Amino acid sequence: MTKLEVFDPPMCCSTGVCGPSVDSALVRFAADFHWLAGQGIVVDRFNLSQQPRAYVANPAVKAALMEFGNNCLPLILVNGAITSTGRYPSRQELAAMVGVEYEAPVSLPVMPSGGCC
């Protein structure tokens, strides 16, 4: 079974999707991460602020941090091999990394100003 691990930079919460100004890249990646889990991929996500031992315990992650510092984060591993560093890959890139068929994210319709109904 394919395993994807994400080693995030230090964030205030497990996904970074919190606080007064949410980074849209993190929102997109969180949705893509959950989509992968629905495709049968084993997924794990680690936050440097909350789970520093996971970074030290993984030899590939530890080596990347020693060489590049936090600039290598986020760091993506597939089956233990580094496949991406320093950015959050798109859903299409993630699908290719783990060998599943790409499905475009569903977009919700934009409501006209003034609310709904």
N, C-alpha and C. Protein backbone atom coordinates (compact mmCIF):
# COMPACT_ATOMS: atom_id res chain seq x y z
N MET A 1 0.85 -1.18 0.00
CA MET A 1 0.00 0.00 0.00
C MET A 1 0.89 1.24 0.00
N THR A 2 0.51 2.23 -0.76
CA THR A 2 1.27 3.47 -0.86
C THR A 2 1.06 4.34 0.36
N LYS A 3 2.17 4.92 0.85
CA LYS A 3 2.10 5.79 2.03
C LYS A 3 2.68 7.15 1.68
N LEU A 4 1.92 8.21 1.97
CA LEU A 4 2.36 9.58 1.77
C LEU A 4 2.47 10.25 3.13
N GLU A 5 3.61 10.87 3.39
CA GLU A 5 3.82 11.58 4.64
C GLU A 5 4.15 13.04 4.33
N VAL A 6 3.57 13.93 5.08
CA VAL A 6 3.80 15.36 4.93
C VAL A 6 4.43 15.87 6.22
N PHE A 7 5.57 16.53 6.08
CA PHE A 7 6.26 17.15 7.20
C PHE A 7 6.16 18.66 7.00
N ASP A 8 5.21 19.26 7.73
CA ASP A 8 4.92 20.69 7.59
C ASP A 8 5.93 21.54 8.35
N PRO A 9 6.05 22.82 7.97
CA PRO A 9 6.82 23.75 8.79
C PRO A 9 6.07 24.01 10.09
N PRO A 10 6.67 24.72 11.03
CA PRO A 10 5.96 25.02 12.28
C PRO A 10 4.69 25.81 11.99
N MET A 11 3.56 25.33 12.52
CA MET A 11 2.28 26.00 12.35
C MET A 11 1.54 25.98 13.69
N CYS A 12 0.55 26.84 13.81
CA CYS A 12 -0.18 26.96 15.07
C CYS A 12 -1.09 25.77 15.35
N CYS A 13 -1.52 25.07 14.30
CA CYS A 13 -2.38 23.90 14.48
C CYS A 13 -1.96 22.82 13.49
N SER A 14 -2.61 21.69 13.51
CA SER A 14 -2.16 20.55 12.71
C SER A 14 -2.22 20.78 11.21
N THR A 15 -3.09 21.66 10.73
CA THR A 15 -3.21 21.89 9.29
C THR A 15 -2.80 23.30 8.87
N GLY A 16 -2.68 24.22 9.82
CA GLY A 16 -2.40 25.61 9.48
C GLY A 16 -3.62 26.36 9.00
N VAL A 17 -4.77 25.69 8.96
CA VAL A 17 -6.00 26.32 8.49
C VAL A 17 -6.75 26.85 9.70
N CYS A 18 -6.21 27.90 10.27
CA CYS A 18 -6.82 28.52 11.44
C CYS A 18 -6.32 29.96 11.54
N GLY A 19 -6.87 30.68 12.47
CA GLY A 19 -6.44 32.06 12.68
C GLY A 19 -7.17 33.04 11.79
N PRO A 20 -6.84 34.32 11.94
CA PRO A 20 -7.57 35.36 11.22
C PRO A 20 -7.26 35.43 9.72
N SER A 21 -6.08 35.02 9.29
CA SER A 21 -5.76 35.07 7.86
C SER A 21 -5.24 33.70 7.43
N VAL A 22 -6.11 32.93 6.80
CA VAL A 22 -5.79 31.57 6.38
C VAL A 22 -5.17 31.60 4.99
N ASP A 23 -4.06 30.88 4.84
CA ASP A 23 -3.37 30.76 3.56
C ASP A 23 -4.19 29.84 2.65
N SER A 24 -4.60 30.32 1.49
CA SER A 24 -5.43 29.51 0.59
C SER A 24 -4.70 28.27 0.11
N ALA A 25 -3.37 28.30 0.03
CA ALA A 25 -2.61 27.11 -0.37
C ALA A 25 -2.78 26.01 0.66
N LEU A 26 -2.85 26.37 1.94
CA LEU A 26 -3.05 25.37 2.99
C LEU A 26 -4.45 24.78 2.95
N VAL A 27 -5.43 25.60 2.64
CA VAL A 27 -6.81 25.12 2.52
C VAL A 27 -6.89 24.13 1.38
N ARG A 28 -6.32 24.48 0.23
CA ARG A 28 -6.32 23.59 -0.94
C ARG A 28 -5.61 22.30 -0.61
N PHE A 29 -4.43 22.39 0.02
CA PHE A 29 -3.66 21.19 0.31
C PHE A 29 -4.39 20.29 1.31
N ALA A 30 -5.04 20.88 2.30
CA ALA A 30 -5.80 20.07 3.27
C ALA A 30 -6.88 19.27 2.56
N ALA A 31 -7.57 19.89 1.61
CA ALA A 31 -8.61 19.18 0.85
C ALA A 31 -7.99 18.08 0.00
N ASP A 32 -6.86 18.37 -0.63
CA ASP A 32 -6.19 17.38 -1.47
C ASP A 32 -5.66 16.22 -0.63
N PHE A 33 -5.16 16.51 0.55
CA PHE A 33 -4.66 15.50 1.47
C PHE A 33 -5.78 14.52 1.85
N HIS A 34 -6.94 15.06 2.18
CA HIS A 34 -8.09 14.22 2.53
C HIS A 34 -8.60 13.45 1.32
N TRP A 35 -8.52 14.05 0.14
CA TRP A 35 -8.91 13.35 -1.09
C TRP A 35 -8.03 12.13 -1.30
N LEU A 36 -6.71 12.28 -1.08
CA LEU A 36 -5.80 11.14 -1.23
C LEU A 36 -6.18 10.00 -0.28
N ALA A 37 -6.52 10.34 0.95
CA ALA A 37 -6.92 9.32 1.91
C ALA A 37 -8.15 8.56 1.40
N GLY A 38 -9.04 9.27 0.74
CA GLY A 38 -10.22 8.64 0.16
C GLY A 38 -9.92 7.76 -1.04
N GLN A 39 -8.72 7.90 -1.60
CA GLN A 39 -8.29 7.09 -2.74
C GLN A 39 -7.56 5.82 -2.29
N GLY A 40 -7.53 5.58 -0.98
CA GLY A 40 -6.88 4.39 -0.46
C GLY A 40 -5.40 4.58 -0.14
N ILE A 41 -4.93 5.79 -0.17
CA ILE A 41 -3.54 6.09 0.17
C ILE A 41 -3.45 6.26 1.69
N VAL A 42 -2.43 5.65 2.28
CA VAL A 42 -2.17 5.85 3.71
C VAL A 42 -1.49 7.21 3.84
N VAL A 43 -2.09 8.11 4.59
CA VAL A 43 -1.55 9.47 4.72
C VAL A 43 -1.26 9.80 6.18
N ASP A 44 -0.14 10.46 6.39
CA ASP A 44 0.23 10.98 7.70
C ASP A 44 0.74 12.40 7.52
N ARG A 45 0.43 13.25 8.48
CA ARG A 45 0.86 14.64 8.42
C ARG A 45 1.42 15.04 9.77
N PHE A 46 2.57 15.69 9.75
CA PHE A 46 3.26 16.08 10.96
C PHE A 46 3.53 17.57 10.96
N ASN A 47 3.41 18.18 12.14
CA ASN A 47 3.64 19.62 12.31
C ASN A 47 4.88 19.77 13.19
N LEU A 48 5.87 20.50 12.72
CA LEU A 48 7.12 20.66 13.46
C LEU A 48 6.89 21.25 14.85
N SER A 49 5.93 22.13 14.99
CA SER A 49 5.64 22.74 16.30
C SER A 49 5.08 21.74 17.30
N GLN A 50 4.32 20.77 16.80
CA GLN A 50 3.62 19.86 17.69
C GLN A 50 4.23 18.46 17.76
N GLN A 51 4.98 18.06 16.73
CA GLN A 51 5.51 16.70 16.68
C GLN A 51 6.98 16.68 16.24
N PRO A 52 7.86 17.39 16.93
CA PRO A 52 9.25 17.48 16.49
C PRO A 52 9.98 16.13 16.46
N ARG A 53 9.57 15.20 17.30
CA ARG A 53 10.24 13.89 17.33
C ARG A 53 10.09 13.14 16.02
N ALA A 54 8.97 13.33 15.33
CA ALA A 54 8.77 12.66 14.04
C ALA A 54 9.81 13.11 13.02
N TYR A 55 10.25 14.36 13.11
CA TYR A 55 11.23 14.91 12.18
C TYR A 55 12.61 14.33 12.46
N VAL A 56 12.94 14.18 13.72
CA VAL A 56 14.23 13.64 14.12
C VAL A 56 14.29 12.13 13.89
N ALA A 57 13.17 11.46 14.06
CA ALA A 57 13.12 10.01 13.93
C ALA A 57 13.21 9.52 12.49
N ASN A 58 12.89 10.39 11.52
CA ASN A 58 12.93 9.98 10.12
C ASN A 58 14.28 10.41 9.52
N PRO A 59 15.13 9.47 9.13
CA PRO A 59 16.47 9.81 8.64
C PRO A 59 16.48 10.74 7.42
N ALA A 60 15.55 10.55 6.49
CA ALA A 60 15.50 11.40 5.29
C ALA A 60 15.12 12.84 5.66
N VAL A 61 14.15 12.98 6.53
CA VAL A 61 13.70 14.31 6.96
C VAL A 61 14.79 14.99 7.77
N LYS A 62 15.39 14.26 8.68
CA LYS A 62 16.46 14.82 9.51
C LYS A 62 17.62 15.30 8.65
N ALA A 63 18.01 14.51 7.66
CA ALA A 63 19.12 14.90 6.77
C ALA A 63 18.78 16.15 5.97
N ALA A 64 17.55 16.22 5.47
CA ALA A 64 17.12 17.41 4.70
C ALA A 64 17.13 18.65 5.59
N LEU A 65 16.66 18.52 6.81
CA LEU A 65 16.67 19.66 7.73
C LEU A 65 18.09 20.09 8.08
N MET A 66 18.98 19.13 8.25
CA MET A 66 20.38 19.45 8.56
C MET A 66 21.03 20.20 7.41
N GLU A 67 20.71 19.81 6.18
CA GLU A 67 21.33 20.43 5.01
C GLU A 67 20.68 21.75 4.61
N PHE A 68 19.34 21.80 4.65
CA PHE A 68 18.63 22.96 4.11
C PHE A 68 17.87 23.79 5.15
N GLY A 69 17.81 23.33 6.39
CA GLY A 69 17.03 24.02 7.40
C GLY A 69 15.55 23.94 7.08
N ASN A 70 14.77 24.82 7.67
CA ASN A 70 13.32 24.81 7.46
C ASN A 70 12.90 25.14 6.04
N ASN A 71 13.84 25.60 5.18
CA ASN A 71 13.50 25.91 3.80
C ASN A 71 13.04 24.68 3.02
N CYS A 72 13.37 23.48 3.51
CA CYS A 72 12.93 22.26 2.81
C CYS A 72 11.49 21.89 3.15
N LEU A 73 10.90 22.58 4.11
CA LEU A 73 9.53 22.28 4.53
C LEU A 73 8.53 23.13 3.77
N PRO A 74 7.37 22.62 3.43
CA PRO A 74 6.92 21.27 3.68
C PRO A 74 7.70 20.26 2.84
N LEU A 75 7.86 19.09 3.42
CA LEU A 75 8.60 18.01 2.78
C LEU A 75 7.64 16.83 2.64
N ILE A 76 7.56 16.28 1.43
CA ILE A 76 6.63 15.19 1.14
C ILE A 76 7.43 13.92 0.87
N LEU A 77 7.06 12.84 1.54
CA LEU A 77 7.66 11.53 1.31
C LEU A 77 6.59 10.59 0.79
N VAL A 78 6.96 9.78 -0.20
CA VAL A 78 6.10 8.71 -0.67
C VAL A 78 6.88 7.42 -0.49
N ASN A 79 6.32 6.53 0.31
CA ASN A 79 6.97 5.26 0.64
C ASN A 79 8.41 5.49 1.13
N GLY A 80 8.60 6.55 1.92
CA GLY A 80 9.89 6.83 2.54
C GLY A 80 10.85 7.64 1.72
N ALA A 81 10.53 7.91 0.46
CA ALA A 81 11.43 8.68 -0.43
C ALA A 81 10.91 10.11 -0.58
N ILE A 82 11.81 11.08 -0.52
CA ILE A 82 11.43 12.48 -0.68
C ILE A 82 10.98 12.72 -2.12
N THR A 83 9.78 13.27 -2.27
CA THR A 83 9.24 13.55 -3.61
C THR A 83 9.00 15.04 -3.85
N SER A 84 9.00 15.84 -2.79
CA SER A 84 8.77 17.28 -2.94
C SER A 84 9.29 18.00 -1.70
N THR A 85 9.89 19.18 -1.92
CA THR A 85 10.36 19.99 -0.80
C THR A 85 10.04 21.46 -1.05
N GLY A 86 9.80 22.17 0.05
CA GLY A 86 9.68 23.62 0.00
C GLY A 86 8.39 24.19 -0.51
N ARG A 87 7.41 23.34 -0.82
CA ARG A 87 6.12 23.85 -1.33
C ARG A 87 5.08 22.75 -1.21
N TYR A 88 3.81 23.15 -1.30
CA TYR A 88 2.73 22.18 -1.29
C TYR A 88 2.37 21.84 -2.73
N PRO A 89 2.53 20.58 -3.13
CA PRO A 89 2.21 20.19 -4.51
C PRO A 89 0.72 20.29 -4.79
N SER A 90 0.39 20.42 -6.06
CA SER A 90 -1.01 20.44 -6.48
C SER A 90 -1.60 19.04 -6.37
N ARG A 91 -2.91 18.95 -6.45
CA ARG A 91 -3.59 17.65 -6.42
C ARG A 91 -3.11 16.78 -7.58
N GLN A 92 -2.93 17.39 -8.73
CA GLN A 92 -2.47 16.63 -9.90
C GLN A 92 -1.06 16.06 -9.65
N GLU A 93 -0.18 16.85 -9.04
CA GLU A 93 1.16 16.36 -8.71
C GLU A 93 1.10 15.26 -7.67
N LEU A 94 0.27 15.43 -6.64
CA LEU A 94 0.12 14.41 -5.61
C LEU A 94 -0.38 13.09 -6.21
N ALA A 95 -1.37 13.18 -7.09
CA ALA A 95 -1.92 11.97 -7.73
C ALA A 95 -0.81 11.24 -8.49
N ALA A 96 0.01 11.99 -9.22
CA ALA A 96 1.11 11.37 -9.97
C ALA A 96 2.14 10.74 -9.03
N MET A 97 2.41 11.39 -7.91
CA MET A 97 3.39 10.87 -6.94
C MET A 97 2.99 9.51 -6.39
N VAL A 98 1.69 9.33 -6.15
CA VAL A 98 1.22 8.10 -5.50
C VAL A 98 0.58 7.12 -6.48
N GLY A 99 0.47 7.50 -7.74
CA GLY A 99 -0.04 6.59 -8.76
C GLY A 99 -1.54 6.38 -8.76
N VAL A 100 -2.29 7.44 -8.47
CA VAL A 100 -3.75 7.35 -8.58
C VAL A 100 -4.21 8.28 -9.70
N GLU A 101 -5.40 8.01 -10.20
CA GLU A 101 -5.95 8.84 -11.27
C GLU A 101 -6.37 10.19 -10.70
N TYR A 102 -5.96 11.24 -11.39
CA TYR A 102 -6.28 12.61 -10.96
C TYR A 102 -7.76 12.89 -11.14
N GLU A 103 -8.38 13.50 -10.15
CA GLU A 103 -9.74 14.01 -10.23
C GLU A 103 -9.70 15.47 -9.83
N ALA A 104 -10.22 16.32 -10.68
CA ALA A 104 -10.24 17.75 -10.36
C ALA A 104 -11.09 17.99 -9.13
N PRO A 105 -10.66 18.93 -8.27
CA PRO A 105 -11.47 19.26 -7.10
C PRO A 105 -12.81 19.85 -7.52
N VAL A 106 -13.82 19.59 -6.72
CA VAL A 106 -15.14 20.15 -6.98
C VAL A 106 -15.14 21.58 -6.49
N SER A 107 -15.54 22.50 -7.34
CA SER A 107 -15.62 23.90 -6.95
C SER A 107 -17.06 24.23 -6.56
N LEU A 108 -17.20 24.93 -5.47
CA LEU A 108 -18.53 25.37 -5.05
C LEU A 108 -18.86 26.65 -5.78
N PRO A 109 -20.12 26.84 -6.13
CA PRO A 109 -20.49 28.07 -6.83
C PRO A 109 -20.28 29.29 -5.94
N VAL A 110 -19.90 30.38 -6.56
CA VAL A 110 -19.71 31.63 -5.83
C VAL A 110 -21.06 32.30 -5.67
N MET A 111 -21.38 32.68 -4.46
CA MET A 111 -22.65 33.32 -4.19
C MET A 111 -22.56 34.81 -4.56
N PRO A 112 -23.62 35.34 -5.13
CA PRO A 112 -23.60 36.78 -5.42
C PRO A 112 -23.51 37.57 -4.13
N SER A 113 -22.97 38.77 -4.23
CA SER A 113 -22.87 39.59 -3.01
C SER A 113 -24.28 39.82 -2.47
N GLY A 114 -24.35 39.88 -1.18
CA GLY A 114 -25.65 40.04 -0.55
C GLY A 114 -26.16 38.74 0.05
N GLY A 115 -25.38 37.66 -0.11
CA GLY A 115 -25.74 36.40 0.53
C GLY A 115 -26.52 35.50 -0.37
N CYS A 116 -27.12 34.52 0.21
CA CYS A 116 -27.88 33.56 -0.58
C CYS A 116 -29.37 33.82 -0.46
N CYS A 117 -30.08 33.15 -1.27
CA CYS A 117 -31.56 33.10 -1.27
C CYS A 117 -32.15 34.43 -1.56
